[in-house]
Amino acid sequence: MTLKELQPQLLALDPAEKALAIQVLAQSLANSWSGIEKTPGVCGGDACIADTRIPVWVLVNARRLGISETELLKDYPTLSASDLGNAWAYARAYPDEIEIAIRENEEA
């Protein structure tokens, strides 16, 4: 996809979505994701919530299975709402990575 093709879609976003798009792009350029870290040897090197062993793909898959954010926060008491926001932003920026991790772990 080119910027020329993407531009009408970006302009059609509401202000909150535009702000999130800017955040995702800035984080992607800096290659740093607030609250998300990859550590070799921890959870197979998958992207996790910082200072935990909770992979982003686990949270994404749970949400797909119908588990609400409220339930996730209850099930993982060390998580905050901002941790979930960081996870969703990371998953939107790297959907292929998340899909592969879900697929690989479902087969395991």
PDB file of N, CA and C in Angstrom:
ATOM      1  N   MET A   1       0.849  -1.169   0.000  1.00  0.00           N
ATOM      2  CA  MET A   1       0.000   0.000   0.000  1.00  0.00           C
ATOM      3  C   MET A   1       0.899   1.238   0.000  1.00  0.00           C
ATOM      4  N   THR A   2       0.504   2.209  -0.772  1.00  0.00           N
ATOM      5  CA  THR A   2       1.272   3.451  -0.835  1.00  0.00           C
ATOM      6  C   THR A   2       0.615   4.521   0.035  1.00  0.00           C
ATOM      7  N   LEU A   3       1.375   5.564   0.335  1.00  0.00           N
ATOM      8  CA  LEU A   3       0.831   6.667   1.117  1.00  0.00           C
ATOM      9  C   LEU A   3      -0.328   7.327   0.375  1.00  0.00           C
ATOM     10  N   LYS A   4      -0.205   7.407  -0.935  1.00  0.00           N
ATOM     11  CA  LYS A   4      -1.278   8.011  -1.742  1.00  0.00           C
ATOM     12  C   LYS A   4      -2.576   7.222  -1.576  1.00  0.00           C
ATOM     13  N   GLU A   5      -2.476   5.899  -1.508  1.00  0.00           N
ATOM     14  CA  GLU A   5      -3.660   5.054  -1.319  1.00  0.00           C
ATOM     15  C   GLU A   5      -4.187   5.160   0.117  1.00  0.00           C
ATOM     16  N   LEU A   6      -3.278   5.330   1.051  1.00  0.00           N
ATOM     17  CA  LEU A   6      -3.637   5.362   2.468  1.00  0.00           C
ATOM     18  C   LEU A   6      -4.193   6.714   2.920  1.00  0.00           C
ATOM     19  N   GLN A   7      -3.799   7.773   2.263  1.00  0.00           N
ATOM     20  CA  GLN A   7      -4.160   9.113   2.698  1.00  0.00           C
ATOM     21  C   GLN A   7      -5.663   9.329   2.883  1.00  0.00           C
ATOM     22  N   PRO A   8      -6.530   8.929   1.956  1.00  0.00           N
ATOM     23  CA  PRO A   8      -7.975   9.150   2.182  1.00  0.00           C
ATOM     24  C   PRO A   8      -8.491   8.427   3.428  1.00  0.00           C
ATOM     25  N   GLN A   9      -7.952   7.244   3.696  1.00  0.00           N
ATOM     26  CA  GLN A   9      -8.379   6.505   4.886  1.00  0.00           C
ATOM     27  C   GLN A   9      -7.921   7.207   6.152  1.00  0.00           C
ATOM     28  N   LEU A  10      -6.691   7.722   6.152  1.00  0.00           N
ATOM     29  CA  LEU A  10      -6.192   8.449   7.318  1.00  0.00           C
ATOM     30  C   LEU A  10      -7.015   9.702   7.581  1.00  0.00           C
ATOM     31  N   LEU A  11      -7.348  10.429   6.530  1.00  0.00           N
ATOM     32  CA  LEU A  11      -8.125  11.654   6.687  1.00  0.00           C
ATOM     33  C   LEU A  11      -9.549  11.387   7.166  1.00  0.00           C
ATOM     34  N   ALA A  12     -10.059  10.188   6.907  1.00  0.00           N
ATOM     35  CA  ALA A  12     -11.425   9.839   7.316  1.00  0.00           C
ATOM     36  C   ALA A  12     -11.520   9.423   8.785  1.00  0.00           C
ATOM     37  N   LEU A  13     -10.375   9.210   9.440  1.00  0.00           N
ATOM     38  CA  LEU A  13     -10.390   8.800  10.840  1.00  0.00           C
ATOM     39  C   LEU A  13     -10.910   9.918  11.734  1.00  0.00           C
ATOM     40  N   ASP A  14     -11.538   9.525  12.854  1.00  0.00           N
ATOM     41  CA  ASP A  14     -11.942  10.548  13.814  1.00  0.00           C
ATOM     42  C   ASP A  14     -10.689  10.999  14.581  1.00  0.00           C
ATOM     43  N   PRO A  15     -10.776  12.103  15.309  1.00  0.00           N
ATOM     44  CA  PRO A  15      -9.584  12.638  15.990  1.00  0.00           C
ATOM     45  C   PRO A  15      -8.884  11.633  16.915  1.00  0.00           C
ATOM     46  N   ALA A  16      -9.638  10.839  17.648  1.00  0.00           N
ATOM     47  CA  ALA A  16      -9.021   9.852  18.550  1.00  0.00           C
ATOM     48  C   ALA A  16      -8.258   8.794  17.754  1.00  0.00           C
ATOM     49  N   GLU A  17      -8.842   8.350  16.638  1.00  0.00           N
ATOM     50  CA  GLU A  17      -8.164   7.353  15.800  1.00  0.00           C
ATOM     51  C   GLU A  17      -6.910   7.945  15.155  1.00  0.00           C
ATOM     52  N   LYS A  18      -6.980   9.212  14.773  1.00  0.00           N
ATOM     53  CA  LYS A  18      -5.800   9.871  14.200  1.00  0.00           C
ATOM     54  C   LYS A  18      -4.678   9.937  15.239  1.00  0.00           C
ATOM     55  N   ALA A  19      -5.022  10.276  16.475  1.00  0.00           N
ATOM     56  CA  ALA A  19      -4.017  10.343  17.535  1.00  0.00           C
ATOM     57  C   ALA A  19      -3.378   8.976  17.757  1.00  0.00           C
ATOM     58  N   LEU A  20      -4.186   7.919  17.736  1.00  0.00           N
ATOM     59  CA  LEU A  20      -3.652   6.574  17.896  1.00  0.00           C
ATOM     60  C   LEU A  20      -2.762   6.194  16.718  1.00  0.00           C
ATOM     61  N   ALA A  21      -3.165   6.574  15.513  1.00  0.00           N
ATOM     62  CA  ALA A  21      -2.354   6.292  14.323  1.00  0.00           C
ATOM     63  C   ALA A  21      -0.992   6.981  14.435  1.00  0.00           C
ATOM     64  N   ILE A  22      -0.991   8.205  14.903  1.00  0.00           N
ATOM     65  CA  ILE A  22       0.269   8.931  15.086  1.00  0.00           C
ATOM     66  C   ILE A  22       1.136   8.223  16.120  1.00  0.00           C
ATOM     67  N   GLN A  23       0.517   7.782  17.207  1.00  0.00           N
ATOM     68  CA  GLN A  23       1.256   7.067  18.255  1.00  0.00           C
ATOM     69  C   GLN A  23       1.877   5.785  17.712  1.00  0.00           C
ATOM     70  N   VAL A  24       1.103   5.029  16.953  1.00  0.00           N
ATOM     71  CA  VAL A  24       1.599   3.778  16.387  1.00  0.00           C
ATOM     72  C   VAL A  24       2.759   4.049  15.434  1.00  0.00           C
ATOM     73  N   LEU A  25       2.614   5.054  14.582  1.00  0.00           N
ATOM     74  CA  LEU A  25       3.689   5.384  13.644  1.00  0.00           C
ATOM     75  C   LEU A  25       4.950   5.848  14.371  1.00  0.00           C
ATOM     76  N   ALA A  26       4.785   6.693  15.373  1.00  0.00           N
ATOM     77  CA  ALA A  26       5.948   7.184  16.117  1.00  0.00           C
ATOM     78  C   ALA A  26       6.663   6.048  16.836  1.00  0.00           C
ATOM     79  N   GLN A  27       5.896   5.162  17.448  1.00  0.00           N
ATOM     80  CA  GLN A  27       6.505   4.026  18.139  1.00  0.00           C
ATOM     81  C   GLN A  27       7.196   3.107  17.141  1.00  0.00           C
ATOM     82  N   SER A  28       6.592   2.923  15.985  1.00  0.00           N
ATOM     83  CA  SER A  28       7.185   2.079  14.964  1.00  0.00           C
ATOM     84  C   SER A  28       8.505   2.661  14.474  1.00  0.00           C
ATOM     85  N   LEU A  29       8.550   3.974  14.275  1.00  0.00           N
ATOM     86  CA  LEU A  29       9.782   4.619  13.837  1.00  0.00           C
ATOM     87  C   LEU A  29      10.874   4.499  14.891  1.00  0.00           C
ATOM     88  N   ALA A  30      10.505   4.659  16.124  1.00  0.00           N
ATOM     89  CA  ALA A  30      11.476   4.593  17.213  1.00  0.00           C
ATOM     90  C   ALA A  30      11.798   3.156  17.581  1.00  0.00           C
ATOM     91  N   ASN A  31      10.989   2.237  17.062  1.00  0.00           N
ATOM     92  CA  ASN A  31      11.134   0.817  17.381  1.00  0.00           C
ATOM     93  C   ASN A  31      11.136   0.605  18.895  1.00  0.00           C
ATOM     94  N   SER A  32      10.373   1.440  19.594  1.00  0.00           N
ATOM     95  CA  SER A  32      10.230   1.247  21.029  1.00  0.00           C
ATOM     96  C   SER A  32       8.745   1.316  21.356  1.00  0.00           C
ATOM     97  N   TRP A  33       8.307   0.349  22.067  1.00  0.00           N
ATOM     98  CA  TRP A  33       6.896   0.266  22.409  1.00  0.00           C
ATOM     99  C   TRP A  33       6.764   0.419  23.907  1.00  0.00           C
ATOM    100  N   SER A  34       6.170   1.513  24.298  1.00  0.00           N
ATOM    101  CA  SER A  34       5.960   1.777  25.708  1.00  0.00           C
ATOM    102  C   SER A  34       5.214   0.611  26.339  1.00  0.00           C
ATOM    103  N   GLY A  35       5.831   0.020  27.347  1.00  0.00           N
ATOM    104  CA  GLY A  35       5.162  -1.047  28.074  1.00  0.00           C
ATOM    105  C   GLY A  35       5.243  -2.406  27.429  1.00  0.00           C
ATOM    106  N   ILE A  36       5.907  -2.527  26.286  1.00  0.00           N
ATOM    107  CA  ILE A  36       6.046  -3.808  25.599  1.00  0.00           C
ATOM    108  C   ILE A  36       7.530  -4.089  25.441  1.00  0.00           C
ATOM    109  N   GLU A  37       7.926  -5.324  25.726  1.00  0.00           N
ATOM    110  CA  GLU A  37       9.338  -5.664  25.558  1.00  0.00           C
ATOM    111  C   GLU A  37       9.483  -7.089  25.033  1.00  0.00           C
ATOM    112  N   LYS A  38      10.574  -7.288  24.325  1.00  0.00           N
ATOM    113  CA  LYS A  38      10.956  -8.614  23.847  1.00  0.00           C
ATOM    114  C   LYS A  38      12.291  -8.942  24.499  1.00  0.00           C
ATOM    115  N   THR A  39      12.322 -10.074  25.183  1.00  0.00           N
ATOM    116  CA  THR A  39      13.537 -10.486  25.860  1.00  0.00           C
ATOM    117  C   THR A  39      13.904 -11.886  25.387  1.00  0.00           C
ATOM    118  N   PRO A  40      15.075 -12.037  24.779  1.00  0.00           N
ATOM    119  CA  PRO A  40      15.492 -13.379  24.357  1.00  0.00           C
ATOM    120  C   PRO A  40      15.442 -14.348  25.545  1.00  0.00           C
ATOM    121  N   GLY A  41      14.877 -15.514  25.300  1.00  0.00           N
ATOM    122  CA  GLY A  41      14.793 -16.527  26.343  1.00  0.00           C
ATOM    123  C   GLY A  41      13.594 -16.403  27.258  1.00  0.00           C
ATOM    124  N   VAL A  42      12.808 -15.339  27.116  1.00  0.00           N
ATOM    125  CA  VAL A  42      11.597 -15.171  27.920  1.00  0.00           C
ATOM    126  C   VAL A  42      10.400 -15.293  26.993  1.00  0.00           C
ATOM    127  N   CYS A  43       9.563 -16.266  27.253  1.00  0.00           N
ATOM    128  CA  CYS A  43       8.358 -16.505  26.438  1.00  0.00           C
ATOM    129  C   CYS A  43       8.722 -16.624  24.956  1.00  0.00           C
ATOM    130  N   GLY A  44       9.800 -17.298  24.678  1.00  0.00           N
ATOM    131  CA  GLY A  44      10.209 -17.513  23.289  1.00  0.00           C
ATOM    132  C   GLY A  44      10.602 -16.241  22.557  1.00  0.00           C
ATOM    133  N   GLY A  45      10.886 -15.187  23.299  1.00  0.00           N
ATOM    134  CA  GLY A  45      11.243 -13.916  22.665  1.00  0.00           C
ATOM    135  C   GLY A  45      10.048 -13.140  22.148  1.00  0.00           C
ATOM    136  N   ASP A  46       8.829 -13.630  22.435  1.00  0.00           N
ATOM    137  CA  ASP A  46       7.618 -12.930  21.992  1.00  0.00           C
ATOM    138  C   ASP A  46       7.467 -11.602  22.721  1.00  0.00           C
ATOM    139  N   ALA A  47       6.757 -10.680  22.104  1.00  0.00           N
ATOM    140  CA  ALA A  47       6.452  -9.392  22.719  1.00  0.00           C
ATOM    141  C   ALA A  47       5.570  -9.628  23.940  1.00  0.00           C
ATOM    142  N   CYS A  48       6.010  -9.097  25.078  1.00  0.00           N
ATOM    143  CA  CYS A  48       5.283  -9.257  26.342  1.00  0.00           C
ATOM    144  C   CYS A  48       5.019  -7.904  26.974  1.00  0.00           C
ATOM    145  N   ILE A  49       4.057  -7.886  27.887  1.00  0.00           N
ATOM    146  CA  ILE A  49       3.853  -6.712  28.713  1.00  0.00           C
ATOM    147  C   ILE A  49       5.128  -6.564  29.548  1.00  0.00           C
ATOM    148  N   ALA A  50       5.656  -5.348  29.616  1.00  0.00           N
ATOM    149  CA  ALA A  50       6.919  -5.100  30.321  1.00  0.00           C
ATOM    150  C   ALA A  50       6.882  -5.646  31.745  1.00  0.00           C
ATOM    151  N   ASP A  51       7.998  -6.241  32.131  1.00  0.00           N
ATOM    152  CA  ASP A  51       8.194  -6.780  33.481  1.00  0.00           C
ATOM    153  C   ASP A  51       7.228  -7.906  33.835  1.00  0.00           C
ATOM    154  N   THR A  52       6.691  -8.573  32.802  1.00  0.00           N
ATOM    155  CA  THR A  52       5.831  -9.739  33.038  1.00  0.00           C
ATOM    156  C   THR A  52       6.228 -10.835  32.050  1.00  0.00           C
ATOM    157  N   ARG A  53       5.580 -11.945  32.190  1.00  0.00           N
ATOM    158  CA  ARG A  53       5.709 -13.032  31.219  1.00  0.00           C
ATOM    159  C   ARG A  53       4.357 -13.237  30.519  1.00  0.00           C
ATOM    160  N   ILE A  54       3.681 -12.129  30.270  1.00  0.00           N
ATOM    161  CA  ILE A  54       2.368 -12.173  29.609  1.00  0.00           C
ATOM    162  C   ILE A  54       2.549 -11.705  28.166  1.00  0.00           C
ATOM    163  N   PRO A  55       2.531 -12.659  27.219  1.00  0.00           N
ATOM    164  CA  PRO A  55       2.713 -12.276  25.816  1.00  0.00           C
ATOM    165  C   PRO A  55       1.510 -11.515  25.264  1.00  0.00           C
ATOM    166  N   VAL A  56       1.797 -10.587  24.371  1.00  0.00           N
ATOM    167  CA  VAL A  56       0.742  -9.813  23.721  1.00  0.00           C
ATOM    168  C   VAL A  56      -0.213 -10.751  22.990  1.00  0.00           C
ATOM    169  N   TRP A  57       0.329 -11.774  22.329  1.00  0.00           N
ATOM    170  CA  TRP A  57      -0.537 -12.677  21.555  1.00  0.00           C
ATOM    171  C   TRP A  57      -1.551 -13.377  22.447  1.00  0.00           C
ATOM    172  N   VAL A  58      -1.206 -13.671  23.703  1.00  0.00           N
ATOM    173  CA  VAL A  58      -2.145 -14.320  24.624  1.00  0.00           C
ATOM    174  C   VAL A  58      -3.337 -13.405  24.879  1.00  0.00           C
ATOM    175  N   LEU A  59      -3.052 -12.125  25.085  1.00  0.00           N
ATOM    176  CA  LEU A  59      -4.127 -11.166  25.342  1.00  0.00           C
ATOM    177  C   LEU A  59      -5.005 -10.974  24.109  1.00  0.00           C
ATOM    178  N   VAL A  60      -4.375 -10.876  22.940  1.00  0.00           N
ATOM    179  CA  VAL A  60      -5.131 -10.721  21.691  1.00  0.00           C
ATOM    180  C   VAL A  60      -6.019 -11.936  21.469  1.00  0.00           C
ATOM    181  N   ASN A  61      -5.473 -13.111  21.668  1.00  0.00           N
ATOM    182  CA  ASN A  61      -6.254 -14.330  21.460  1.00  0.00           C
ATOM    183  C   ASN A  61      -7.400 -14.421  22.464  1.00  0.00           C
ATOM    184  N   ALA A  62      -7.152 -14.034  23.703  1.00  0.00           N
ATOM    185  CA  ALA A  62      -8.213 -14.056  24.720  1.00  0.00           C
ATOM    186  C   ALA A  62      -9.353 -13.127  24.324  1.00  0.00           C
ATOM    187  N   ARG A  63      -8.996 -11.949  23.831  1.00  0.00           N
ATOM    188  CA  ARG A  63     -10.033 -11.005  23.402  1.00  0.00           C
ATOM    189  C   ARG A  63     -10.836 -11.578  22.254  1.00  0.00           C
ATOM    190  N   ARG A  64     -10.172 -12.255  21.326  1.00  0.00           N
ATOM    191  CA  ARG A  64     -10.887 -12.892  20.204  1.00  0.00           C
ATOM    192  C   ARG A  64     -11.853 -13.964  20.677  1.00  0.00           C
ATOM    193  N   LEU A  65     -11.500 -14.603  21.774  1.00  0.00           N
ATOM    194  CA  LEU A  65     -12.355 -15.657  22.321  1.00  0.00           C
ATOM    195  C   LEU A  65     -13.506 -15.100  23.150  1.00  0.00           C
ATOM    196  N   GLY A  66     -13.589 -13.759  23.203  1.00  0.00           N
ATOM    197  CA  GLY A  66     -14.722 -13.130  23.872  1.00  0.00           C
ATOM    198  C   GLY A  66     -14.457 -12.690  25.296  1.00  0.00           C
ATOM    199  N   ILE A  67     -13.230 -12.765  25.737  1.00  0.00           N
ATOM    200  CA  ILE A  67     -12.911 -12.313  27.089  1.00  0.00           C
ATOM    201  C   ILE A  67     -12.784 -10.790  27.067  1.00  0.00           C
ATOM    202  N   SER A  68     -13.522 -10.138  27.932  1.00  0.00           N
ATOM    203  CA  SER A  68     -13.540  -8.676  27.958  1.00  0.00           C
ATOM    204  C   SER A  68     -12.275  -8.132  28.620  1.00  0.00           C
ATOM    205  N   GLU A  69     -12.041  -6.842  28.418  1.00  0.00           N
ATOM    206  CA  GLU A  69     -10.902  -6.206  29.071  1.00  0.00           C
ATOM    207  C   GLU A  69     -11.057  -6.263  30.592  1.00  0.00           C
ATOM    208  N   THR A  70     -12.269  -6.106  31.068  1.00  0.00           N
ATOM    209  CA  THR A  70     -12.525  -6.188  32.514  1.00  0.00           C
ATOM    210  C   THR A  70     -12.124  -7.554  33.046  1.00  0.00           C
ATOM    211  N   GLU A  71     -12.500  -8.599  32.299  1.00  0.00           N
ATOM    212  CA  GLU A  71     -12.143  -9.954  32.718  1.00  0.00           C
ATOM    213  C   GLU A  71     -10.632 -10.173  32.657  1.00  0.00           C
ATOM    214  N   LEU A  72      -9.976  -9.633  31.615  1.00  0.00           N
ATOM    215  CA  LEU A  72      -8.524  -9.770  31.519  1.00  0.00           C
ATOM    216  C   LEU A  72      -7.831  -9.100  32.703  1.00  0.00           C
ATOM    217  N   LEU A  73      -8.301  -7.917  33.072  1.00  0.00           N
ATOM    218  CA  LEU A  73      -7.706  -7.217  34.206  1.00  0.00           C
ATOM    219  C   LEU A  73      -7.935  -7.976  35.516  1.00  0.00           C
ATOM    220  N   LYS A  74      -9.058  -8.656  35.612  1.00  0.00           N
ATOM    221  CA  LYS A  74      -9.348  -9.475  36.790  1.00  0.00           C
ATOM    222  C   LYS A  74      -8.485 -10.736  36.783  1.00  0.00           C
ATOM    223  N   ASP A  75      -8.345 -11.362  35.613  1.00  0.00           N
ATOM    224  CA  ASP A  75      -7.564 -12.603  35.491  1.00  0.00           C
ATOM    225  C   ASP A  75      -6.066 -12.371  35.645  1.00  0.00           C
ATOM    226  N   TYR A  76      -5.611 -11.178  35.256  1.00  0.00           N
ATOM    227  CA  TYR A  76      -4.190 -10.809  35.350  1.00  0.00           C
ATOM    228  C   TYR A  76      -4.082  -9.561  36.220  1.00  0.00           C
ATOM    229  N   PRO A  77      -4.106  -9.726  37.527  1.00  0.00           N
ATOM    230  CA  PRO A  77      -4.152  -8.562  38.428  1.00  0.00           C
ATOM    231  C   PRO A  77      -2.936  -7.635  38.336  1.00  0.00           C
ATOM    232  N   THR A  78      -1.838  -8.103  37.752  1.00  0.00           N
ATOM    233  CA  THR A  78      -0.671  -7.227  37.609  1.00  0.00           C
ATOM    234  C   THR A  78      -0.797  -6.301  36.405  1.00  0.00           C
ATOM    235  N   LEU A  79      -1.791  -6.531  35.540  1.00  0.00           N
ATOM    236  CA  LEU A  79      -1.993  -5.689  34.359  1.00  0.00           C
ATOM    237  C   LEU A  79      -2.816  -4.458  34.697  1.00  0.00           C
ATOM    238  N   SER A  80      -2.541  -3.398  33.947  1.00  0.00           N
ATOM    239  CA  SER A  80      -3.345  -2.178  34.055  1.00  0.00           C
ATOM    240  C   SER A  80      -4.059  -1.951  32.724  1.00  0.00           C
ATOM    241  N   ALA A  81      -5.007  -1.040  32.732  1.00  0.00           N
ATOM    242  CA  ALA A  81      -5.712  -0.703  31.492  1.00  0.00           C
ATOM    243  C   ALA A  81      -4.722  -0.175  30.454  1.00  0.00           C
ATOM    244  N   SER A  82      -3.719   0.582  30.884  1.00  0.00           N
ATOM    245  CA  SER A  82      -2.737   1.087  29.923  1.00  0.00           C
ATOM    246  C   SER A  82      -1.894  -0.048  29.334  1.00  0.00           C
ATOM    247  N   ASP A  83      -1.653  -1.107  30.116  1.00  0.00           N
ATOM    248  CA  ASP A  83      -0.952  -2.276  29.570  1.00  0.00           C
ATOM    249  C   ASP A  83      -1.752  -2.880  28.419  1.00  0.00           C
ATOM    250  N   LEU A  84      -3.060  -2.972  28.600  1.00  0.00           N
ATOM    251  CA  LEU A  84      -3.902  -3.511  27.534  1.00  0.00           C
ATOM    252  C   LEU A  84      -3.888  -2.585  26.323  1.00  0.00           C
ATOM    253  N   GLY A  85      -3.951  -1.291  26.544  1.00  0.00           N
ATOM    254  CA  GLY A  85      -3.879  -0.335  25.441  1.00  0.00           C
ATOM    255  C   GLY A  85      -2.579  -0.483  24.666  1.00  0.00           C
ATOM    256  N   ASN A  86      -1.477  -0.650  25.383  1.00  0.00           N
ATOM    257  CA  ASN A  86      -0.188  -0.860  24.726  1.00  0.00           C
ATOM    258  C   ASN A  86      -0.189  -2.158  23.926  1.00  0.00           C
ATOM    259  N   ALA A  87      -0.773  -3.198  24.487  1.00  0.00           N
ATOM    260  CA  ALA A  87      -0.842  -4.486  23.792  1.00  0.00           C
ATOM    261  C   ALA A  87      -1.664  -4.376  22.507  1.00  0.00           C
ATOM    262  N   TRP A  88      -2.806  -3.692  22.574  1.00  0.00           N
ATOM    263  CA  TRP A  88      -3.661  -3.562  21.379  1.00  0.00           C
ATOM    264  C   TRP A  88      -2.951  -2.736  20.312  1.00  0.00           C
ATOM    265  N   ALA A  89      -2.261  -1.678  20.718  1.00  0.00           N
ATOM    266  CA  ALA A  89      -1.534  -0.853  19.744  1.00  0.00           C
ATOM    267  C   ALA A  89      -0.413  -1.662  19.090  1.00  0.00           C
ATOM    268  N   TYR A  90       0.298  -2.435  19.882  1.00  0.00           N
ATOM    269  CA  TYR A  90       1.376  -3.264  19.336  1.00  0.00           C
ATOM    270  C   TYR A  90       0.800  -4.287  18.358  1.00  0.00           C
ATOM    271  N   ALA A  91      -0.305  -4.908  18.744  1.00  0.00           N
ATOM    272  CA  ALA A  91      -0.922  -5.927  17.887  1.00  0.00           C
ATOM    273  C   ALA A  91      -1.408  -5.325  16.569  1.00  0.00           C
ATOM    274  N   ARG A  92      -1.918  -4.097  16.602  1.00  0.00           N
ATOM    275  CA  ARG A  92      -2.337  -3.443  15.358  1.00  0.00           C
ATOM    276  C   ARG A  92      -1.142  -3.123  14.473  1.00  0.00           C
ATOM    277  N   ALA A  93      -0.023  -2.781  15.097  1.00  0.00           N
ATOM    278  CA  ALA A  93       1.171  -2.436  14.321  1.00  0.00           C
ATOM    279  C   ALA A  93       1.860  -3.664  13.747  1.00  0.00           C
ATOM    280  N   TYR A  94       1.745  -4.797  14.413  1.00  0.00           N
ATOM    281  CA  TYR A  94       2.429  -6.022  13.990  1.00  0.00           C
ATOM    282  C   TYR A  94       1.459  -7.197  13.910  1.00  0.00           C
ATOM    283  N   PRO A  95       0.415  -7.087  13.093  1.00  0.00           N
ATOM    284  CA  PRO A  95      -0.588  -8.152  13.053  1.00  0.00           C
ATOM    285  C   PRO A  95      -0.036  -9.498  12.583  1.00  0.00           C
ATOM    286  N   ASP A  96       0.895  -9.485  11.644  1.00  0.00           N
ATOM    287  CA  ASP A  96       1.445 -10.754  11.153  1.00  0.00           C
ATOM    288  C   ASP A  96       2.209 -11.477  12.263  1.00  0.00           C
ATOM    289  N   GLU A  97       2.989 -10.735  13.023  1.00  0.00           N
ATOM    290  CA  GLU A  97       3.744 -11.329  14.136  1.00  0.00           C
ATOM    291  C   GLU A  97       2.795 -11.980  15.145  1.00  0.00           C
ATOM    292  N   ILE A  98       1.713 -11.287  15.454  1.00  0.00           N
ATOM    293  CA  ILE A  98       0.750 -11.803  16.430  1.00  0.00           C
ATOM    294  C   ILE A  98       0.052 -13.041  15.885  1.00  0.00           C
ATOM    295  N   GLU A  99      -0.358 -12.993  14.615  1.00  0.00           N
ATOM    296  CA  GLU A  99      -1.026 -14.148  13.994  1.00  0.00           C
ATOM    297  C   GLU A  99      -0.134 -15.382  14.002  1.00  0.00           C
ATOM    298  N   ILE A 100       1.132 -15.195  13.665  1.00  0.00           N
ATOM    299  CA  ILE A 100       2.074 -16.319  13.644  1.00  0.00           C
ATOM    300  C   ILE A 100       2.227 -16.898  15.046  1.00  0.00           C
ATOM    301  N   ALA A 101       2.367 -16.041  16.052  1.00  0.00           N
ATOM    302  CA  ALA A 101       2.523 -16.514  17.430  1.00  0.00           C
ATOM    303  C   ALA A 101       1.286 -17.283  17.891  1.00  0.00           C
ATOM    304  N   ILE A 102       0.113 -16.780  17.566  1.00  0.00           N
ATOM    305  CA  ILE A 102      -1.123 -17.485  17.946  1.00  0.00           C
ATOM    306  C   ILE A 102      -1.166 -18.842  17.269  1.00  0.00           C
ATOM    307  N   ARG A 103      -0.910 -18.860  15.973  1.00  0.00           N
ATOM    308  CA  ARG A 103      -0.950 -20.113  15.206  1.00  0.00           C
ATOM    309  C   ARG A 103       0.069 -21.125  15.752  1.00  0.00           C
ATOM    310  N   GLU A 104       1.303 -20.678  15.983  1.00  0.00           N
ATOM    311  CA  GLU A 104       2.355 -21.569  16.470  1.00  0.00           C
ATOM    312  C   GLU A 104       2.007 -22.135  17.854  1.00  0.00           C
ATOM    313  N   ASN A 105       1.414 -21.330  18.692  1.00  0.00           N
ATOM    314  CA  ASN A 105       1.107 -21.783  20.037  1.00  0.00           C
ATOM    315  C   ASN A 105      -0.168 -22.614  20.111  1.00  0.00           C
ATOM    316  N   GLU A 106      -1.060 -22.455  19.159  1.00  0.00           N
ATOM    317  CA  GLU A 106      -2.234 -23.326  19.104  1.00  0.00           C
ATOM    318  C   GLU A 106      -1.850 -24.709  18.624  1.00  0.00           C
ATOM    319  N   GLU A 107      -0.831 -24.783  17.764  1.00  0.00           N
ATOM    320  CA  GLU A 107      -0.377 -26.065  17.235  1.00  0.00           C
ATOM    321  C   GLU A 107       0.478 -26.821  18.239  1.00  0.00           C
ATOM    322  N   ALA A 108       1.071 -26.103  19.182  1.00  0.00           N
ATOM    323  CA  ALA A 108       2.005 -26.721  20.136  1.00  0.00           C
ATOM    324  C   ALA A 108       1.283 -27.598  21.130  1.00  0.00           C
TER     325      ALA A 108
END
